[in-house]
Structures are given as C-alpha cells and as structure tokens.
Amino acid sequence: MKTNPSHEQLSKSLDRRIRHLMIKTLESFEEAFLQIANTSDGQRYKSGIRTIFNDIIRAQRDELLDYEVEYRPLRLSEDNILAITQTFMQTVQKIEFGMTLDSQPVFLIQASEDKLKVLDALRSELGAGVVCIDKPGIAILVVVGVEACVDSVLPVMDRYRMHADVREKYKLWREALVKLYRS
C-alpha cells in the first residue's frame, strides 16, 4: 500500500500540535496547583490528562484514514512567504526558466515519472500548464506563453525564496517576460 505524503504530513503536524497542547495543559496545571501537583491525586489527574490527549491523537489518526487528503505542494508560511513542502522539493529534479524558439516564455519543472501526481498538484495550484512524460522515466510540468506565465508563475515565484543561482536565472527570465507582456 502506497503512503500519501499529505496524510503523513498532516498526521505528524496534528500530533505535534496535540502533544504541545497536552504539555502546556500539564504545565499550567502544575503552575496553578503547586500544592497538589505532586501528590498522588495530582499524579492521577495528570495521568488522566495524558490518556485523554493520547486518545485524541489515536482518534484523529483513525479519522484521517477516512478522508482523501489532497496533496498541496505550496503553502504560505507564517511570515506570508511562499514555502514549498519538503515532499515537493524531494520530487523536483530540475527547474528551468527559458524561451521557446518563437520567443514564448517557458517555465518547466522536471521530476521522475512516479511523481506525476505531485506535478499535477502543482499544475492545479498554478492554474496553468501541462504535465506530460518527456522521455521514459521523466515527467515535466510546462507552462508556456506570456499570459500563462504572468498570471500563474510570477505570483508564485515572486513570493518564493530561491537559492541565489536560481534567483538570478529567474530575475533575468522575469525581466524578459515582463518586457514581452508590456509590448
């Protein structure tokens, strides 16, 4: 049975949040009730709290199995910067910014063929492009055209933090794209 990376990510995230809430609850109890926190009654109370939180964690794991979780390759971080999930980064083999022979802008992401679903999820997030098999074992997401790149790629890439070498290639491509768009 294949695992769904979104299920795993969501489950781990929810587990962390529930455990954090449990720890904060226990710390608050100990701070508020110093005189009984370390008594046998206090220990039984804290044990009951742990049991309740662990039951909640198990129940949310069981409940997650009943839902289809759609993979989301992009998310906004707390500081409103676009972040790409770790699963997506492990998927990508190559990102290219270029021009076709007839001077149309092209945005391309290459991944292994078994990552078609991840590329399709990104295509869905962008609202543009085509996912196809380039050669055996290699899948690509391609966005071609001035409007498609301006409307879908620029809003995403302008908000994403890139490595310096990729950022430079993107800046040059973006300048050429904007020039084409304005003309």
N, C-alpha and C. Protein backbone atom coordinates (compact mmCIF):
# COMPACT_ATOMS: atom_id res chain seq x y z
N MET A 1 0.84 -1.18 0.00
CA MET A 1 0.00 0.00 0.00
C MET A 1 0.89 1.25 0.00
N LYS A 2 0.66 2.13 -0.97
CA LYS A 2 1.44 3.36 -1.03
C LYS A 2 0.95 4.34 0.03
N THR A 3 1.90 5.10 0.55
CA THR A 3 1.52 6.10 1.54
C THR A 3 1.27 7.43 0.85
N ASN A 4 0.36 8.19 1.38
CA ASN A 4 0.05 9.52 0.86
C ASN A 4 0.86 10.52 1.67
N PRO A 5 1.81 11.25 1.02
CA PRO A 5 2.64 12.18 1.78
C PRO A 5 1.82 13.24 2.50
N SER A 6 0.68 13.61 1.93
CA SER A 6 -0.16 14.61 2.59
C SER A 6 -0.77 14.07 3.87
N HIS A 7 -1.20 12.81 3.84
CA HIS A 7 -1.72 12.19 5.07
C HIS A 7 -0.65 12.19 6.15
N GLU A 8 0.56 11.78 5.76
CA GLU A 8 1.65 11.71 6.73
C GLU A 8 2.00 13.08 7.29
N GLN A 9 2.11 14.08 6.41
CA GLN A 9 2.44 15.44 6.86
C GLN A 9 1.36 15.97 7.79
N LEU A 10 0.10 15.80 7.41
CA LEU A 10 -1.00 16.30 8.22
C LEU A 10 -1.05 15.57 9.56
N SER A 11 -0.88 14.27 9.53
CA SER A 11 -0.92 13.49 10.76
C SER A 11 0.20 13.91 11.73
N LYS A 12 1.40 14.06 11.21
CA LYS A 12 2.53 14.48 12.06
C LYS A 12 2.30 15.89 12.62
N SER A 13 1.80 16.77 11.78
CA SER A 13 1.54 18.14 12.22
C SER A 13 0.48 18.16 13.32
N LEU A 14 -0.59 17.42 13.13
CA LEU A 14 -1.65 17.37 14.15
C LEU A 14 -1.13 16.73 15.44
N ASP A 15 -0.35 15.66 15.32
CA ASP A 15 0.24 15.02 16.50
C ASP A 15 1.07 16.02 17.30
N ARG A 16 1.93 16.77 16.59
CA ARG A 16 2.78 17.77 17.27
C ARG A 16 1.93 18.81 18.00
N ARG A 17 0.89 19.29 17.33
CA ARG A 17 0.05 20.31 17.94
C ARG A 17 -0.69 19.78 19.16
N ILE A 18 -1.20 18.57 19.07
CA ILE A 18 -1.92 17.99 20.20
C ILE A 18 -0.96 17.74 21.36
N ARG A 19 0.22 17.21 21.07
CA ARG A 19 1.22 16.98 22.14
C ARG A 19 1.64 18.30 22.79
N HIS A 20 1.81 19.34 21.98
CA HIS A 20 2.17 20.65 22.52
C HIS A 20 1.06 21.15 23.45
N LEU A 21 -0.18 20.99 23.03
CA LEU A 21 -1.31 21.40 23.86
C LEU A 21 -1.35 20.60 25.16
N MET A 22 -1.05 19.31 25.09
CA MET A 22 -1.02 18.47 26.28
C MET A 22 0.06 18.98 27.26
N ILE A 23 1.24 19.24 26.75
CA ILE A 23 2.34 19.72 27.60
C ILE A 23 1.98 21.05 28.24
N LYS A 24 1.42 21.97 27.46
CA LYS A 24 1.02 23.28 28.01
C LYS A 24 -0.07 23.11 29.07
N THR A 25 -1.00 22.20 28.85
CA THR A 25 -2.07 21.95 29.84
C THR A 25 -1.48 21.43 31.14
N LEU A 26 -0.56 20.46 31.03
CA LEU A 26 0.07 19.90 32.23
C LEU A 26 0.92 20.94 32.95
N GLU A 27 1.65 21.76 32.20
CA GLU A 27 2.45 22.82 32.82
C GLU A 27 1.55 23.83 33.53
N SER A 28 0.45 24.19 32.91
CA SER A 28 -0.49 25.14 33.53
C SER A 28 -1.08 24.56 34.81
N PHE A 29 -1.40 23.27 34.78
CA PHE A 29 -1.93 22.62 35.98
C PHE A 29 -0.91 22.68 37.10
N GLU A 30 0.34 22.33 36.79
CA GLU A 30 1.38 22.33 37.82
C GLU A 30 1.63 23.73 38.37
N GLU A 31 1.59 24.75 37.51
CA GLU A 31 1.78 26.12 37.98
C GLU A 31 0.61 26.60 38.84
N ALA A 32 -0.60 26.26 38.45
CA ALA A 32 -1.79 26.74 39.16
C ALA A 32 -2.04 25.99 40.47
N PHE A 33 -1.64 24.72 40.51
CA PHE A 33 -1.94 23.90 41.68
C PHE A 33 -0.66 23.26 42.22
N LEU A 34 0.30 24.10 42.58
CA LEU A 34 1.59 23.62 43.10
C LEU A 34 1.42 22.67 44.28
N GLN A 35 0.49 22.99 45.17
CA GLN A 35 0.34 22.21 46.40
C GLN A 35 -0.16 20.78 46.14
N ILE A 36 -0.88 20.54 45.02
CA ILE A 36 -1.38 19.17 44.80
C ILE A 36 -0.77 18.50 43.56
N ALA A 37 0.02 19.23 42.79
CA ALA A 37 0.55 18.69 41.53
C ALA A 37 1.37 17.43 41.74
N ASN A 38 2.13 17.34 42.82
CA ASN A 38 2.99 16.18 43.04
C ASN A 38 2.43 15.18 44.04
N THR A 39 1.19 15.37 44.44
CA THR A 39 0.54 14.39 45.32
C THR A 39 0.03 13.24 44.46
N SER A 40 -0.43 12.18 45.12
CA SER A 40 -0.95 11.03 44.36
C SER A 40 -2.20 11.44 43.56
N ASP A 41 -3.04 12.31 44.13
CA ASP A 41 -4.21 12.78 43.38
C ASP A 41 -3.78 13.61 42.17
N GLY A 42 -2.78 14.45 42.34
CA GLY A 42 -2.27 15.26 41.24
C GLY A 42 -1.67 14.39 40.15
N GLN A 43 -0.95 13.33 40.55
CA GLN A 43 -0.35 12.42 39.57
C GLN A 43 -1.43 11.66 38.79
N ARG A 44 -2.49 11.24 39.50
CA ARG A 44 -3.60 10.56 38.82
C ARG A 44 -4.29 11.51 37.83
N TYR A 45 -4.46 12.77 38.22
CA TYR A 45 -5.08 13.76 37.36
C TYR A 45 -4.24 13.96 36.09
N LYS A 46 -2.92 14.12 36.27
CA LYS A 46 -2.03 14.31 35.13
C LYS A 46 -2.01 13.08 34.23
N SER A 47 -2.06 11.90 34.83
CA SER A 47 -2.11 10.66 34.05
C SER A 47 -3.41 10.60 33.23
N GLY A 48 -4.51 11.02 33.84
CA GLY A 48 -5.78 11.07 33.12
C GLY A 48 -5.73 12.04 31.95
N ILE A 49 -5.10 13.19 32.16
CA ILE A 49 -4.95 14.18 31.08
C ILE A 49 -4.15 13.59 29.92
N ARG A 50 -3.03 12.91 30.24
CA ARG A 50 -2.22 12.28 29.19
C ARG A 50 -3.03 11.25 28.42
N THR A 51 -3.80 10.44 29.13
CA THR A 51 -4.62 9.42 28.48
C THR A 51 -5.64 10.05 27.53
N ILE A 52 -6.28 11.12 27.99
CA ILE A 52 -7.27 11.80 27.15
C ILE A 52 -6.62 12.34 25.87
N PHE A 53 -5.46 12.99 26.01
CA PHE A 53 -4.78 13.53 24.84
C PHE A 53 -4.31 12.42 23.90
N ASN A 54 -3.79 11.32 24.44
CA ASN A 54 -3.37 10.20 23.59
C ASN A 54 -4.56 9.58 22.88
N ASP A 55 -5.72 9.51 23.54
CA ASP A 55 -6.93 9.02 22.88
C ASP A 55 -7.33 9.93 21.73
N ILE A 56 -7.17 11.24 21.92
CA ILE A 56 -7.49 12.21 20.87
C ILE A 56 -6.54 12.01 19.68
N ILE A 57 -5.27 11.80 19.95
CA ILE A 57 -4.30 11.58 18.87
C ILE A 57 -4.67 10.33 18.08
N ARG A 58 -4.99 9.23 18.78
CA ARG A 58 -5.38 8.00 18.08
C ARG A 58 -6.66 8.20 17.27
N ALA A 59 -7.63 8.91 17.84
CA ALA A 59 -8.89 9.15 17.13
C ALA A 59 -8.67 10.00 15.88
N GLN A 60 -7.82 11.03 15.97
CA GLN A 60 -7.59 11.86 14.79
C GLN A 60 -6.84 11.07 13.72
N ARG A 61 -5.95 10.17 14.11
CA ARG A 61 -5.27 9.32 13.11
C ARG A 61 -6.28 8.42 12.41
N ASP A 62 -7.18 7.81 13.18
CA ASP A 62 -8.21 6.96 12.59
C ASP A 62 -9.13 7.76 11.68
N GLU A 63 -9.49 8.96 12.10
CA GLU A 63 -10.38 9.79 11.31
C GLU A 63 -9.72 10.23 10.01
N LEU A 64 -8.43 10.50 10.04
CA LEU A 64 -7.72 10.91 8.83
C LEU A 64 -7.78 9.84 7.74
N LEU A 65 -7.80 8.58 8.16
CA LEU A 65 -7.84 7.49 7.19
C LEU A 65 -9.15 7.49 6.40
N ASP A 66 -10.19 8.12 6.94
CA ASP A 66 -11.48 8.18 6.25
C ASP A 66 -11.56 9.28 5.21
N TYR A 67 -10.54 10.13 5.13
CA TYR A 67 -10.59 11.27 4.23
C TYR A 67 -9.49 11.20 3.20
N GLU A 68 -9.81 11.64 2.00
CA GLU A 68 -8.82 11.79 0.95
C GLU A 68 -8.19 13.16 1.14
N VAL A 69 -6.89 13.19 1.41
CA VAL A 69 -6.21 14.46 1.61
C VAL A 69 -5.52 14.82 0.30
N GLU A 70 -5.88 15.98 -0.24
CA GLU A 70 -5.30 16.42 -1.49
C GLU A 70 -3.90 16.97 -1.22
N TYR A 71 -2.95 16.53 -2.02
CA TYR A 71 -1.58 16.97 -1.84
C TYR A 71 -1.45 18.43 -2.24
N ARG A 72 -0.84 19.22 -1.39
CA ARG A 72 -0.63 20.65 -1.68
C ARG A 72 0.88 20.89 -1.68
N PRO A 73 1.47 21.14 -2.84
CA PRO A 73 2.92 21.34 -2.90
C PRO A 73 3.38 22.69 -2.37
N LEU A 74 2.48 23.67 -2.31
CA LEU A 74 2.83 25.01 -1.87
C LEU A 74 2.01 25.38 -0.65
N ARG A 75 2.60 26.18 0.23
CA ARG A 75 1.87 26.69 1.38
C ARG A 75 2.47 28.04 1.76
N LEU A 76 1.68 28.85 2.46
CA LEU A 76 2.19 30.13 2.94
C LEU A 76 2.72 29.94 4.35
N SER A 77 3.92 30.45 4.59
CA SER A 77 4.49 30.38 5.94
C SER A 77 3.85 31.46 6.80
N GLU A 78 4.18 31.46 8.07
CA GLU A 78 3.61 32.43 9.00
C GLU A 78 3.97 33.87 8.62
N ASP A 79 5.13 34.08 8.01
CA ASP A 79 5.54 35.43 7.61
C ASP A 79 5.11 35.75 6.18
N ASN A 80 4.10 35.00 5.68
CA ASN A 80 3.47 35.24 4.38
C ASN A 80 4.44 35.04 3.21
N ILE A 81 5.43 34.19 3.39
CA ILE A 81 6.36 33.82 2.32
C ILE A 81 5.91 32.46 1.80
N LEU A 82 5.91 32.31 0.49
CA LEU A 82 5.50 31.05 -0.09
C LEU A 82 6.56 30.00 0.19
N ALA A 83 6.12 28.90 0.71
CA ALA A 83 7.03 27.80 1.03
C ALA A 83 6.63 26.59 0.19
N ILE A 84 7.61 25.84 -0.21
CA ILE A 84 7.38 24.61 -0.94
C ILE A 84 7.61 23.47 0.04
N THR A 85 6.69 22.53 0.06
CA THR A 85 6.78 21.44 1.02
C THR A 85 8.02 20.59 0.76
N GLN A 86 8.48 19.94 1.80
CA GLN A 86 9.67 19.10 1.69
C GLN A 86 9.44 17.98 0.68
N THR A 87 8.24 17.40 0.68
CA THR A 87 7.93 16.33 -0.27
C THR A 87 8.06 16.82 -1.69
N PHE A 88 7.59 18.05 -1.96
CA PHE A 88 7.71 18.59 -3.30
C PHE A 88 9.18 18.82 -3.67
N MET A 89 9.96 19.37 -2.74
CA MET A 89 11.38 19.62 -3.02
C MET A 89 12.12 18.32 -3.33
N GLN A 90 11.75 17.24 -2.67
CA GLN A 90 12.39 15.95 -2.94
C GLN A 90 11.97 15.42 -4.30
N THR A 91 10.86 15.90 -4.83
CA THR A 91 10.33 15.47 -6.12
C THR A 91 11.06 16.12 -7.28
N VAL A 92 11.38 17.40 -7.15
CA VAL A 92 11.91 18.19 -8.25
C VAL A 92 13.34 17.78 -8.60
N GLN A 93 13.56 17.54 -9.89
CA GLN A 93 14.91 17.26 -10.36
C GLN A 93 15.54 18.50 -10.98
N LYS A 94 14.68 19.31 -11.64
CA LYS A 94 15.21 20.49 -12.32
C LYS A 94 14.09 21.51 -12.52
N ILE A 95 14.42 22.79 -12.37
CA ILE A 95 13.52 23.89 -12.68
C ILE A 95 14.21 24.75 -13.72
N GLU A 96 13.49 25.08 -14.79
CA GLU A 96 14.07 25.91 -15.85
C GLU A 96 13.16 27.08 -16.17
N PHE A 97 13.78 28.21 -16.48
CA PHE A 97 13.10 29.39 -16.99
C PHE A 97 13.72 29.66 -18.35
N GLY A 98 12.91 29.74 -19.39
CA GLY A 98 13.51 29.94 -20.71
C GLY A 98 12.53 30.51 -21.71
N MET A 99 12.94 30.48 -22.97
CA MET A 99 12.14 30.97 -24.08
C MET A 99 12.14 29.90 -25.17
N THR A 100 11.00 29.79 -25.86
CA THR A 100 10.92 28.88 -26.99
C THR A 100 11.61 29.54 -28.18
N LEU A 101 11.71 28.80 -29.29
CA LEU A 101 12.34 29.35 -30.49
C LEU A 101 11.58 30.55 -31.03
N ASP A 102 10.26 30.59 -30.80
CA ASP A 102 9.49 31.75 -31.26
C ASP A 102 9.27 32.78 -30.15
N SER A 103 10.21 32.82 -29.21
CA SER A 103 10.26 33.83 -28.13
C SER A 103 9.07 33.80 -27.17
N GLN A 104 8.51 32.64 -26.94
CA GLN A 104 7.47 32.48 -25.92
C GLN A 104 8.13 32.05 -24.61
N PRO A 105 7.75 32.66 -23.49
CA PRO A 105 8.34 32.25 -22.21
C PRO A 105 7.89 30.84 -21.81
N VAL A 106 8.82 30.13 -21.18
CA VAL A 106 8.56 28.75 -20.75
C VAL A 106 9.04 28.59 -19.31
N PHE A 107 8.19 27.98 -18.50
CA PHE A 107 8.55 27.59 -17.13
C PHE A 107 8.41 26.08 -17.10
N LEU A 108 9.45 25.39 -16.64
CA LEU A 108 9.46 23.93 -16.69
C LEU A 108 9.98 23.36 -15.38
N ILE A 109 9.29 22.35 -14.89
CA ILE A 109 9.76 21.60 -13.73
C ILE A 109 9.84 20.14 -14.13
N GLN A 110 10.97 19.52 -13.88
CA GLN A 110 11.21 18.12 -14.24
C GLN A 110 11.26 17.28 -12.97
N ALA A 111 10.65 16.10 -13.03
CA ALA A 111 10.65 15.16 -11.90
C ALA A 111 10.61 13.74 -12.46
N SER A 112 10.80 12.78 -11.59
CA SER A 112 10.70 11.40 -12.05
C SER A 112 9.24 11.07 -12.35
N GLU A 113 9.04 10.13 -13.25
CA GLU A 113 7.70 9.79 -13.73
C GLU A 113 6.75 9.36 -12.61
N ASP A 114 7.29 8.77 -11.56
CA ASP A 114 6.42 8.32 -10.46
C ASP A 114 5.90 9.49 -9.63
N LYS A 115 6.33 10.71 -9.93
CA LYS A 115 5.87 11.91 -9.22
C LYS A 115 4.85 12.71 -10.03
N LEU A 116 4.17 12.07 -10.95
CA LEU A 116 3.17 12.75 -11.77
C LEU A 116 2.11 13.45 -10.92
N LYS A 117 1.66 12.79 -9.86
CA LYS A 117 0.62 13.38 -9.01
C LYS A 117 1.10 14.67 -8.36
N VAL A 118 2.35 14.73 -7.97
CA VAL A 118 2.89 15.93 -7.35
C VAL A 118 2.94 17.07 -8.36
N LEU A 119 3.42 16.77 -9.57
CA LEU A 119 3.46 17.79 -10.61
C LEU A 119 2.05 18.25 -10.98
N ASP A 120 1.10 17.30 -11.02
CA ASP A 120 -0.27 17.68 -11.33
C ASP A 120 -0.87 18.55 -10.23
N ALA A 121 -0.50 18.28 -8.98
CA ALA A 121 -0.97 19.13 -7.87
C ALA A 121 -0.43 20.55 -8.02
N LEU A 122 0.83 20.67 -8.44
CA LEU A 122 1.41 21.99 -8.66
C LEU A 122 0.72 22.68 -9.84
N ARG A 123 0.45 21.93 -10.91
CA ARG A 123 -0.26 22.49 -12.05
C ARG A 123 -1.62 23.02 -11.61
N SER A 124 -2.27 22.29 -10.75
CA SER A 124 -3.56 22.72 -10.22
C SER A 124 -3.42 23.99 -9.39
N GLU A 125 -2.38 24.06 -8.55
CA GLU A 125 -2.14 25.26 -7.73
C GLU A 125 -1.86 26.47 -8.61
N LEU A 126 -1.09 26.27 -9.68
CA LEU A 126 -0.76 27.37 -10.58
C LEU A 126 -1.95 27.77 -11.45
N GLY A 127 -2.79 26.80 -11.74
CA GLY A 127 -3.93 27.06 -12.62
C GLY A 127 -3.52 27.17 -14.08
N ALA A 128 -2.38 26.62 -14.43
CA ALA A 128 -1.88 26.67 -15.81
C ALA A 128 -0.87 25.56 -16.02
N GLY A 129 -0.64 25.27 -17.28
CA GLY A 129 0.40 24.32 -17.63
C GLY A 129 -0.12 22.96 -18.02
N VAL A 130 0.82 22.13 -18.44
CA VAL A 130 0.53 20.77 -18.87
C VAL A 130 1.56 19.86 -18.22
N VAL A 131 1.10 18.72 -17.73
CA VAL A 131 2.01 17.71 -17.19
C VAL A 131 2.06 16.57 -18.20
N CYS A 132 3.26 16.15 -18.56
CA CYS A 132 3.39 15.07 -19.53
C CYS A 132 4.69 14.29 -19.28
N ILE A 133 4.80 13.18 -20.00
CA ILE A 133 6.02 12.38 -19.93
C ILE A 133 6.95 12.90 -21.04
N ASP A 134 8.13 13.35 -20.65
CA ASP A 134 9.09 13.92 -21.59
C ASP A 134 9.84 12.80 -22.30
N LYS A 135 10.37 11.88 -21.53
CA LYS A 135 11.03 10.69 -22.02
C LYS A 135 10.84 9.62 -20.96
N PRO A 136 11.07 8.38 -21.26
CA PRO A 136 10.80 7.34 -20.26
C PRO A 136 11.44 7.64 -18.89
N GLY A 137 10.60 7.64 -17.87
CA GLY A 137 11.07 7.90 -16.52
C GLY A 137 11.09 9.35 -16.10
N ILE A 138 10.83 10.27 -17.03
CA ILE A 138 10.90 11.70 -16.74
C ILE A 138 9.55 12.37 -17.04
N ALA A 139 9.00 13.02 -16.03
CA ALA A 139 7.76 13.79 -16.20
C ALA A 139 8.11 15.27 -16.11
N ILE A 140 7.33 16.09 -16.81
CA ILE A 140 7.57 17.53 -16.75
C ILE A 140 6.24 18.27 -16.63
N LEU A 141 6.33 19.40 -15.96
CA LEU A 141 5.25 20.38 -15.93
C LEU A 141 5.77 21.54 -16.76
N VAL A 142 5.01 21.93 -17.78
CA VAL A 142 5.42 23.01 -18.66
C VAL A 142 4.32 24.07 -18.70
N VAL A 143 4.72 25.31 -18.46
CA VAL A 143 3.81 26.45 -18.63
C VAL A 143 4.44 27.30 -19.73
N VAL A 144 3.68 27.53 -20.81
CA VAL A 144 4.18 28.27 -21.97
C VAL A 144 3.25 29.44 -22.26
N GLY A 145 3.83 30.56 -22.58
CA GLY A 145 3.05 31.71 -23.01
C GLY A 145 3.15 32.88 -22.04
N VAL A 146 3.03 34.06 -22.59
CA VAL A 146 3.18 35.28 -21.80
C VAL A 146 2.11 35.36 -20.71
N GLU A 147 0.82 35.27 -21.11
CA GLU A 147 -0.26 35.42 -20.13
C GLU A 147 -0.20 34.32 -19.06
N ALA A 148 0.00 33.08 -19.49
CA ALA A 148 0.05 31.97 -18.54
C ALA A 148 1.17 32.17 -17.52
N CYS A 149 2.33 32.57 -17.99
CA CYS A 149 3.46 32.77 -17.08
C CYS A 149 3.25 33.97 -16.17
N VAL A 150 2.72 35.07 -16.73
CA VAL A 150 2.49 36.27 -15.91
C VAL A 150 1.40 36.00 -14.87
N ASP A 151 0.31 35.36 -15.30
CA ASP A 151 -0.82 35.16 -14.39
C ASP A 151 -0.59 34.06 -13.36
N SER A 152 0.18 33.04 -13.70
CA SER A 152 0.31 31.91 -12.78
C SER A 152 1.69 31.73 -12.16
N VAL A 153 2.73 31.89 -12.95
CA VAL A 153 4.08 31.62 -12.44
C VAL A 153 4.62 32.79 -11.63
N LEU A 154 4.51 34.00 -12.15
CA LEU A 154 5.08 35.16 -11.45
C LEU A 154 4.53 35.34 -10.03
N PRO A 155 3.21 35.27 -9.82
CA PRO A 155 2.72 35.46 -8.45
C PRO A 155 3.30 34.44 -7.46
N VAL A 156 3.53 33.23 -7.94
CA VAL A 156 4.10 32.20 -7.06
C VAL A 156 5.59 32.41 -6.87
N MET A 157 6.31 32.56 -7.96
CA MET A 157 7.77 32.65 -7.87
C MET A 157 8.24 33.95 -7.23
N ASP A 158 7.46 35.03 -7.39
CA ASP A 158 7.84 36.30 -6.75
C ASP A 158 7.79 36.19 -5.23
N ARG A 159 6.97 35.30 -4.71
CA ARG A 159 6.82 35.16 -3.27
C ARG A 159 7.67 34.04 -2.68
N TYR A 160 8.31 33.26 -3.54
CA TYR A 160 9.08 32.11 -3.08
C TYR A 160 10.55 32.47 -2.91
N ARG A 161 11.13 32.04 -1.80
CA ARG A 161 12.57 32.25 -1.58
C ARG A 161 13.34 31.19 -2.35
N MET A 162 14.24 31.64 -3.21
CA MET A 162 15.02 30.72 -4.04
C MET A 162 16.50 30.81 -3.68
N HIS A 163 17.22 29.75 -4.05
CA HIS A 163 18.68 29.79 -3.91
C HIS A 163 19.20 30.89 -4.83
N ALA A 164 20.36 31.43 -4.51
CA ALA A 164 20.91 32.58 -5.24
C ALA A 164 21.05 32.34 -6.74
N ASP A 165 21.56 31.16 -7.14
CA ASP A 165 21.74 30.91 -8.57
C ASP A 165 20.40 30.80 -9.30
N VAL A 166 19.42 30.17 -8.69
CA VAL A 166 18.09 30.07 -9.29
C VAL A 166 17.43 31.45 -9.31
N ARG A 167 17.61 32.22 -8.25
CA ARG A 167 17.04 33.57 -8.17
C ARG A 167 17.56 34.43 -9.32
N GLU A 168 18.85 34.35 -9.64
CA GLU A 168 19.41 35.15 -10.73
C GLU A 168 18.82 34.75 -12.07
N LYS A 169 18.71 33.44 -12.33
CA LYS A 169 18.10 32.96 -13.57
C LYS A 169 16.65 33.43 -13.66
N TYR A 170 15.96 33.37 -12.53
CA TYR A 170 14.56 33.79 -12.50
C TYR A 170 14.44 35.30 -12.80
N LYS A 171 15.31 36.10 -12.20
CA LYS A 171 15.25 37.56 -12.42
C LYS A 171 15.42 37.90 -13.89
N LEU A 172 16.39 37.28 -14.55
CA LEU A 172 16.62 37.54 -15.97
C LEU A 172 15.42 37.11 -16.80
N TRP A 173 14.87 35.94 -16.51
CA TRP A 173 13.70 35.44 -17.23
C TRP A 173 12.50 36.35 -16.98
N ARG A 174 12.34 36.77 -15.73
CA ARG A 174 11.21 37.64 -15.36
C ARG A 174 11.29 38.97 -16.11
N GLU A 175 12.48 39.54 -16.19
CA GLU A 175 12.65 40.81 -16.92
C GLU A 175 12.23 40.66 -18.38
N ALA A 176 12.67 39.58 -19.02
CA ALA A 176 12.31 39.32 -20.42
C ALA A 176 10.80 39.10 -20.54
N LEU A 177 10.22 38.39 -19.61
CA LEU A 177 8.78 38.12 -19.62
C LEU A 177 7.97 39.40 -19.47
N VAL A 178 8.37 40.24 -18.54
CA VAL A 178 7.65 41.50 -18.32
C VAL A 178 7.76 42.40 -19.54
N LYS A 179 8.93 42.41 -20.18
CA LYS A 179 9.12 43.20 -21.40
C LYS A 179 8.18 42.72 -22.50
N LEU A 180 8.06 41.40 -22.65
CA LEU A 180 7.14 40.85 -23.65
C LEU A 180 5.69 41.20 -23.30
N TYR A 181 5.36 41.12 -22.04
CA TYR A 181 3.99 41.40 -21.59
C TYR A 181 3.61 42.86 -21.87
N ARG A 182 4.53 43.75 -21.69
CA ARG A 182 4.26 45.18 -21.88
C ARG A 182 4.18 45.57 -23.35
N SER A 183 4.81 44.78 -24.20
CA SER A 183 4.82 45.13 -25.63
C SER A 183 3.63 44.59 -26.38
